[in-house]
């Protein structure tokens, strides 16, 4: 087995491990009854998370424009890397907030409540599924496997964009109910 094959196998193993570990860690932290006492600053994190999701959405849209319309690979790479880093920052903020603060219940009524839960549930389910897709897309691009990269981003991009946009929508819908 060549060094490249071994390196690829190790990378793929890490992608699998992270794809399982991230949702499990989030689920465990959401389920803990005893919240950590990190101070009142954590109650500002939902607003930070809303900004992060907005910036991620913008990075993804502009990365798409950079590659499809401008054929600017360098800008495409920078914007997608920014989106990935924002995703990591989102995860840190999200886990920190939910480890320290109780979940906020949506207080809307009627059709708005139904719309909120449709967005929330689809956002959660797709956010779990998009993790391995994003990691594989980056792996293929960084490894120079652009044919495989192009194939997977046909699915990854719209799902990732949907997850980041619905994250903003869910934030905007629930933000009036946050307790500070």
C-alpha atoms as a PDB file:
ATOM      1  CA  UNK A   1       0.000   0.000   0.000  1.00  0.00           C
ATOM      2  CA  UNK A   2       1.424   3.379  -0.973  1.00  0.00           C
ATOM      3  CA  UNK A   3       1.774   6.307   1.415  1.00  0.00           C
ATOM      4  CA  UNK A   4      -0.957   8.153  -0.468  1.00  0.00           C
ATOM      5  CA  UNK A   5      -3.408   5.265  -0.097  1.00  0.00           C
ATOM      6  CA  UNK A   6      -2.615   4.982   3.616  1.00  0.00           C
ATOM      7  CA  UNK A   7      -3.051   8.745   4.052  1.00  0.00           C
ATOM      8  CA  UNK A   8      -6.411   8.605   2.244  1.00  0.00           C
ATOM      9  CA  UNK A   9      -7.577   5.677   4.372  1.00  0.00           C
ATOM     10  CA  UNK A  10      -6.643   7.533   7.550  1.00  0.00           C
ATOM     11  CA  UNK A  11      -8.461  10.649   6.350  1.00  0.00           C
ATOM     12  CA  UNK A  12     -11.568   8.643   5.468  1.00  0.00           C
ATOM     13  CA  UNK A  13     -11.474   6.977   8.891  1.00  0.00           C
ATOM     14  CA  UNK A  14     -11.359  10.399  10.581  1.00  0.00           C
ATOM     15  CA  UNK A  15     -14.285  11.576   8.451  1.00  0.00           C
ATOM     16  CA  UNK A  16     -16.300   8.537   9.584  1.00  0.00           C
ATOM     17  CA  UNK A  17     -15.341   9.030  13.226  1.00  0.00           C
ATOM     18  CA  UNK A  18     -16.221  12.737  13.192  1.00  0.00           C
ATOM     19  CA  UNK A  19     -19.467  12.094  11.310  1.00  0.00           C
ATOM     20  CA  UNK A  20     -20.621   9.838  14.144  1.00  0.00           C
ATOM     21  CA  UNK A  21     -18.949  11.595  17.096  1.00  0.00           C
ATOM     22  CA  UNK A  22     -20.225  15.121  16.414  1.00  0.00           C
ATOM     23  CA  UNK A  23     -23.957  14.268  16.458  1.00  0.00           C
ATOM     24  CA  UNK A  24     -23.474  11.954  19.449  1.00  0.00           C
ATOM     25  CA  UNK A  25     -21.650  14.594  21.475  1.00  0.00           C
ATOM     26  CA  UNK A  26     -24.291  17.190  20.627  1.00  0.00           C
ATOM     27  CA  UNK A  27     -27.103  14.770  21.579  1.00  0.00           C
ATOM     28  CA  UNK A  28     -25.447  13.953  24.902  1.00  0.00           C
ATOM     29  CA  UNK A  29     -24.905  17.616  25.748  1.00  0.00           C
ATOM     30  CA  UNK A  30     -28.486  18.488  24.830  1.00  0.00           C
ATOM     31  CA  UNK A  31     -29.716  15.693  27.067  1.00  0.00           C
ATOM     32  CA  UNK A  32     -27.818  16.548  30.222  1.00  0.00           C
ATOM     33  CA  UNK A  33     -30.078  17.817  32.993  1.00  0.00           C
ATOM     34  CA  UNK A  34     -27.367  19.480  35.051  1.00  0.00           C
ATOM     35  CA  UNK A  35     -26.150  22.441  33.034  1.00  0.00           C
ATOM     36  CA  UNK A  36     -22.666  23.880  33.446  1.00  0.00           C
ATOM     37  CA  UNK A  37     -22.398  27.232  35.190  1.00  0.00           C
ATOM     38  CA  UNK A  38     -20.358  29.244  32.702  1.00  0.00           C
ATOM     39  CA  UNK A  39     -21.830  32.643  33.534  1.00  0.00           C
ATOM     40  CA  UNK A  40     -24.378  34.886  31.922  1.00  0.00           C
ATOM     41  CA  UNK A  41     -22.260  35.538  28.822  1.00  0.00           C
ATOM     42  CA  UNK A  42     -23.477  32.229  27.316  1.00  0.00           C
ATOM     43  CA  UNK A  43     -26.940  33.764  26.851  1.00  0.00           C
ATOM     44  CA  UNK A  44     -25.441  35.917  24.090  1.00  0.00           C
ATOM     45  CA  UNK A  45     -24.354  32.847  22.113  1.00  0.00           C
ATOM     46  CA  UNK A  46     -27.649  32.359  20.217  1.00  0.00           C
ATOM     47  CA  UNK A  47     -27.101  35.770  18.637  1.00  0.00           C
ATOM     48  CA  UNK A  48     -23.522  34.851  17.760  1.00  0.00           C
ATOM     49  CA  UNK A  49     -24.789  31.565  16.303  1.00  0.00           C
ATOM     50  CA  UNK A  50     -27.325  33.477  14.179  1.00  0.00           C
ATOM     51  CA  UNK A  51     -24.531  35.666  12.803  1.00  0.00           C
ATOM     52  CA  UNK A  52     -22.336  32.632  12.146  1.00  0.00           C
ATOM     53  CA  UNK A  53     -25.133  30.901  10.201  1.00  0.00           C
ATOM     54  CA  UNK A  54     -25.730  34.079   8.195  1.00  0.00           C
ATOM     55  CA  UNK A  55     -22.029  34.402   7.355  1.00  0.00           C
ATOM     56  CA  UNK A  56     -21.857  30.707   6.442  1.00  0.00           C
ATOM     57  CA  UNK A  57     -24.798  31.128   4.067  1.00  0.00           C
ATOM     58  CA  UNK A  58     -23.130  34.119   2.426  1.00  0.00           C
ATOM     59  CA  UNK A  59     -19.809  32.292   2.085  1.00  0.00           C
ATOM     60  CA  UNK A  60     -21.538  29.337   0.431  1.00  0.00           C
ATOM     61  CA  UNK A  61     -23.489  31.529  -1.998  1.00  0.00           C
ATOM     62  CA  UNK A  62     -20.426  33.560  -2.958  1.00  0.00           C
ATOM     63  CA  UNK A  63     -18.295  30.399  -3.252  1.00  0.00           C
ATOM     64  CA  UNK A  64     -20.863  29.007  -5.678  1.00  0.00           C
ATOM     65  CA  UNK A  65     -20.813  32.241  -7.703  1.00  0.00           C
ATOM     66  CA  UNK A  66     -16.996  32.292  -7.636  1.00  0.00           C
ATOM     67  CA  UNK A  67     -16.702  28.830  -9.180  1.00  0.00           C
ATOM     68  CA  UNK A  68     -19.766  28.674 -11.449  1.00  0.00           C
ATOM     69  CA  UNK A  69     -19.875  32.184 -12.861  1.00  0.00           C
ATOM     70  CA  UNK A  70     -16.360  33.532 -12.356  1.00  0.00           C
ATOM     71  CA  UNK A  71     -14.357  30.259 -12.568  1.00  0.00           C
ATOM     72  CA  UNK A  72     -12.279  31.666  -9.707  1.00  0.00           C
ATOM     73  CA  UNK A  73     -10.959  28.550  -7.971  1.00  0.00           C
ATOM     74  CA  UNK A  74      -8.839  30.461  -5.446  1.00  0.00           C
ATOM     75  CA  UNK A  75     -11.756  32.569  -4.220  1.00  0.00           C
ATOM     76  CA  UNK A  76     -14.018  29.491  -4.216  1.00  0.00           C
ATOM     77  CA  UNK A  77     -11.500  27.671  -2.026  1.00  0.00           C
ATOM     78  CA  UNK A  78     -11.128  30.609   0.390  1.00  0.00           C
ATOM     79  CA  UNK A  79     -14.873  31.105   0.780  1.00  0.00           C
ATOM     80  CA  UNK A  80     -15.544  27.413   1.338  1.00  0.00           C
ATOM     81  CA  UNK A  81     -12.695  27.213   3.834  1.00  0.00           C
ATOM     82  CA  UNK A  82     -14.226  30.197   5.633  1.00  0.00           C
ATOM     83  CA  UNK A  83     -17.588  28.388   5.630  1.00  0.00           C
ATOM     84  CA  UNK A  84     -15.952  25.278   7.095  1.00  0.00           C
ATOM     85  CA  UNK A  85     -14.206  27.304   9.815  1.00  0.00           C
ATOM     86  CA  UNK A  86     -17.465  29.095  10.578  1.00  0.00           C
ATOM     87  CA  UNK A  87     -19.117  25.677  10.855  1.00  0.00           C
ATOM     88  CA  UNK A  88     -16.510  24.630  13.409  1.00  0.00           C
ATOM     89  CA  UNK A  89     -17.002  27.890  15.330  1.00  0.00           C
ATOM     90  CA  UNK A  90     -20.781  27.346  15.186  1.00  0.00           C
ATOM     91  CA  UNK A  91     -20.336  23.890  16.672  1.00  0.00           C
ATOM     92  CA  UNK A  92     -18.216  25.210  19.556  1.00  0.00           C
ATOM     93  CA  UNK A  93     -20.738  27.979  20.299  1.00  0.00           C
ATOM     94  CA  UNK A  94     -23.735  25.661  19.963  1.00  0.00           C
ATOM     95  CA  UNK A  95     -22.268  23.007  22.266  1.00  0.00           C
ATOM     96  CA  UNK A  96     -21.162  25.631  24.792  1.00  0.00           C
ATOM     97  CA  UNK A  97     -24.594  27.263  24.857  1.00  0.00           C
ATOM     98  CA  UNK A  98     -26.526  24.011  25.200  1.00  0.00           C
ATOM     99  CA  UNK A  99     -24.137  22.691  27.849  1.00  0.00           C
ATOM    100  CA  UNK A 100     -24.785  25.790  29.966  1.00  0.00           C
ATOM    101  CA  UNK A 101     -28.319  26.973  29.184  1.00  0.00           C
ATOM    102  CA  UNK A 102     -31.687  25.248  29.193  1.00  0.00           C
ATOM    103  CA  UNK A 103     -33.402  24.805  25.844  1.00  0.00           C
ATOM    104  CA  UNK A 104     -35.753  27.592  24.829  1.00  0.00           C
ATOM    105  CA  UNK A 105     -39.307  26.635  23.956  1.00  0.00           C
ATOM    106  CA  UNK A 106     -40.905  28.212  20.904  1.00  0.00           C
ATOM    107  CA  UNK A 107     -43.744  30.447  22.061  1.00  0.00           C
ATOM    108  CA  UNK A 108     -45.539  31.046  18.780  1.00  0.00           C
ATOM    109  CA  UNK A 109     -48.998  29.722  17.979  1.00  0.00           C
ATOM    110  CA  UNK A 110     -50.885  28.218  15.065  1.00  0.00           C
ATOM    111  CA  UNK A 111     -49.329  28.045  11.623  1.00  0.00           C
ATOM    112  CA  UNK A 112     -46.152  29.783  12.799  1.00  0.00           C
ATOM    113  CA  UNK A 113     -45.536  27.005  15.296  1.00  0.00           C
ATOM    114  CA  UNK A 114     -45.936  24.396  12.549  1.00  0.00           C
ATOM    115  CA  UNK A 115     -43.612  26.298  10.222  1.00  0.00           C
ATOM    116  CA  UNK A 116     -41.063  26.664  13.013  1.00  0.00           C
ATOM    117  CA  UNK A 117     -41.028  22.935  13.722  1.00  0.00           C
ATOM    118  CA  UNK A 118     -40.823  22.016  10.032  1.00  0.00           C
ATOM    119  CA  UNK A 119     -37.762  24.230   9.699  1.00  0.00           C
ATOM    120  CA  UNK A 120     -36.271  23.059  13.006  1.00  0.00           C
ATOM    121  CA  UNK A 121     -36.691  19.338  12.393  1.00  0.00           C
ATOM    122  CA  UNK A 122     -35.478  19.470   8.785  1.00  0.00           C
ATOM    123  CA  UNK A 123     -32.562  21.643   9.904  1.00  0.00           C
ATOM    124  CA  UNK A 124     -31.534  19.169  12.618  1.00  0.00           C
ATOM    125  CA  UNK A 125     -31.877  16.052  10.458  1.00  0.00           C
ATOM    126  CA  UNK A 126     -30.012  17.554   7.508  1.00  0.00           C
ATOM    127  CA  UNK A 127     -27.313  19.080   9.736  1.00  0.00           C
ATOM    128  CA  UNK A 128     -26.439  15.566  10.887  1.00  0.00           C
ATOM    129  CA  UNK A 129     -26.338  14.255   7.333  1.00  0.00           C
ATOM    130  CA  UNK A 130     -24.359  17.139   5.897  1.00  0.00           C
ATOM    131  CA  UNK A 131     -21.333  16.623   8.171  1.00  0.00           C
ATOM    132  CA  UNK A 132     -19.897  13.640   6.261  1.00  0.00           C
ATOM    133  CA  UNK A 133     -20.794  15.242   2.922  1.00  0.00           C
ATOM    134  CA  UNK A 134     -18.925  18.452   3.772  1.00  0.00           C
ATOM    135  CA  UNK A 135     -15.920  16.567   5.103  1.00  0.00           C
ATOM    136  CA  UNK A 136     -15.813  14.323   2.013  1.00  0.00           C
ATOM    137  CA  UNK A 137     -16.137  17.330  -0.323  1.00  0.00           C
ATOM    138  CA  UNK A 138     -13.191  19.016   1.382  1.00  0.00           C
ATOM    139  CA  UNK A 139     -11.193  15.798   1.420  1.00  0.00           C
ATOM    140  CA  UNK A 140     -11.694  15.310  -2.327  1.00  0.00           C
ATOM    141  CA  UNK A 141     -10.808  18.926  -3.110  1.00  0.00           C
ATOM    142  CA  UNK A 142      -7.709  18.944  -0.895  1.00  0.00           C
ATOM    143  CA  UNK A 143      -6.622  15.600  -2.346  1.00  0.00           C
ATOM    144  CA  UNK A 144      -6.975  16.851  -5.912  1.00  0.00           C
ATOM    145  CA  UNK A 145      -9.812  14.423  -6.696  1.00  0.00           C
ATOM    146  CA  UNK A 146     -11.852  17.093  -8.438  1.00  0.00           C
ATOM    147  CA  UNK A 147     -14.112  14.674 -10.329  1.00  0.00           C
ATOM    148  CA  UNK A 148     -15.266  13.132  -7.043  1.00  0.00           C
ATOM    149  CA  UNK A 149     -15.432  16.596  -5.495  1.00  0.00           C
ATOM    150  CA  UNK A 150     -17.768  17.846  -8.227  1.00  0.00           C
ATOM    151  CA  UNK A 151     -20.008  14.788  -7.875  1.00  0.00           C
ATOM    152  CA  UNK A 152     -20.449  15.097  -4.126  1.00  0.00           C
ATOM    153  CA  UNK A 153     -20.932  18.872  -4.023  1.00  0.00           C
ATOM    154  CA  UNK A 154     -24.015  18.508  -6.233  1.00  0.00           C
ATOM    155  CA  UNK A 155     -25.645  17.169  -3.060  1.00  0.00           C
ATOM    156  CA  UNK A 156     -23.489  18.810  -0.404  1.00  0.00           C
ATOM    157  CA  UNK A 157     -23.930  22.429  -1.498  1.00  0.00           C
ATOM    158  CA  UNK A 158     -27.746  22.595  -1.492  1.00  0.00           C
ATOM    159  CA  UNK A 159     -28.010  20.650   1.767  1.00  0.00           C
ATOM    160  CA  UNK A 160     -25.337  22.739   3.502  1.00  0.00           C
ATOM    161  CA  UNK A 161     -26.906  25.958   2.235  1.00  0.00           C
ATOM    162  CA  UNK A 162     -30.360  24.797   3.388  1.00  0.00           C
ATOM    163  CA  UNK A 163     -28.981  23.935   6.831  1.00  0.00           C
ATOM    164  CA  UNK A 164     -27.272  27.303   7.239  1.00  0.00           C
ATOM    165  CA  UNK A 165     -30.258  29.322   5.933  1.00  0.00           C
ATOM    166  CA  UNK A 166     -32.774  27.415   8.057  1.00  0.00           C
ATOM    167  CA  UNK A 167     -30.465  27.958  11.018  1.00  0.00           C
ATOM    168  CA  UNK A 168     -30.961  31.694  10.495  1.00  0.00           C
ATOM    169  CA  UNK A 169     -34.729  31.282  10.067  1.00  0.00           C
ATOM    170  CA  UNK A 170     -35.033  29.146  13.213  1.00  0.00           C
ATOM    171  CA  UNK A 171     -32.945  31.692  15.131  1.00  0.00           C
ATOM    172  CA  UNK A 172     -35.112  34.598  13.946  1.00  0.00           C
ATOM    173  CA  UNK A 173     -38.295  32.732  14.837  1.00  0.00           C
ATOM    174  CA  UNK A 174     -37.190  31.710  18.341  1.00  0.00           C
ATOM    175  CA  UNK A 175     -35.113  34.759  19.306  1.00  0.00           C
ATOM    176  CA  UNK A 176     -38.068  36.651  20.857  1.00  0.00           C
ATOM    177  CA  UNK A 177     -38.440  33.788  23.364  1.00  0.00           C
ATOM    178  CA  UNK A 178     -34.848  33.683  24.652  1.00  0.00           C
ATOM    179  CA  UNK A 179     -34.566  34.458  28.354  1.00  0.00           C
ATOM    180  CA  UNK A 180     -31.653  36.605  29.431  1.00  0.00           C
END
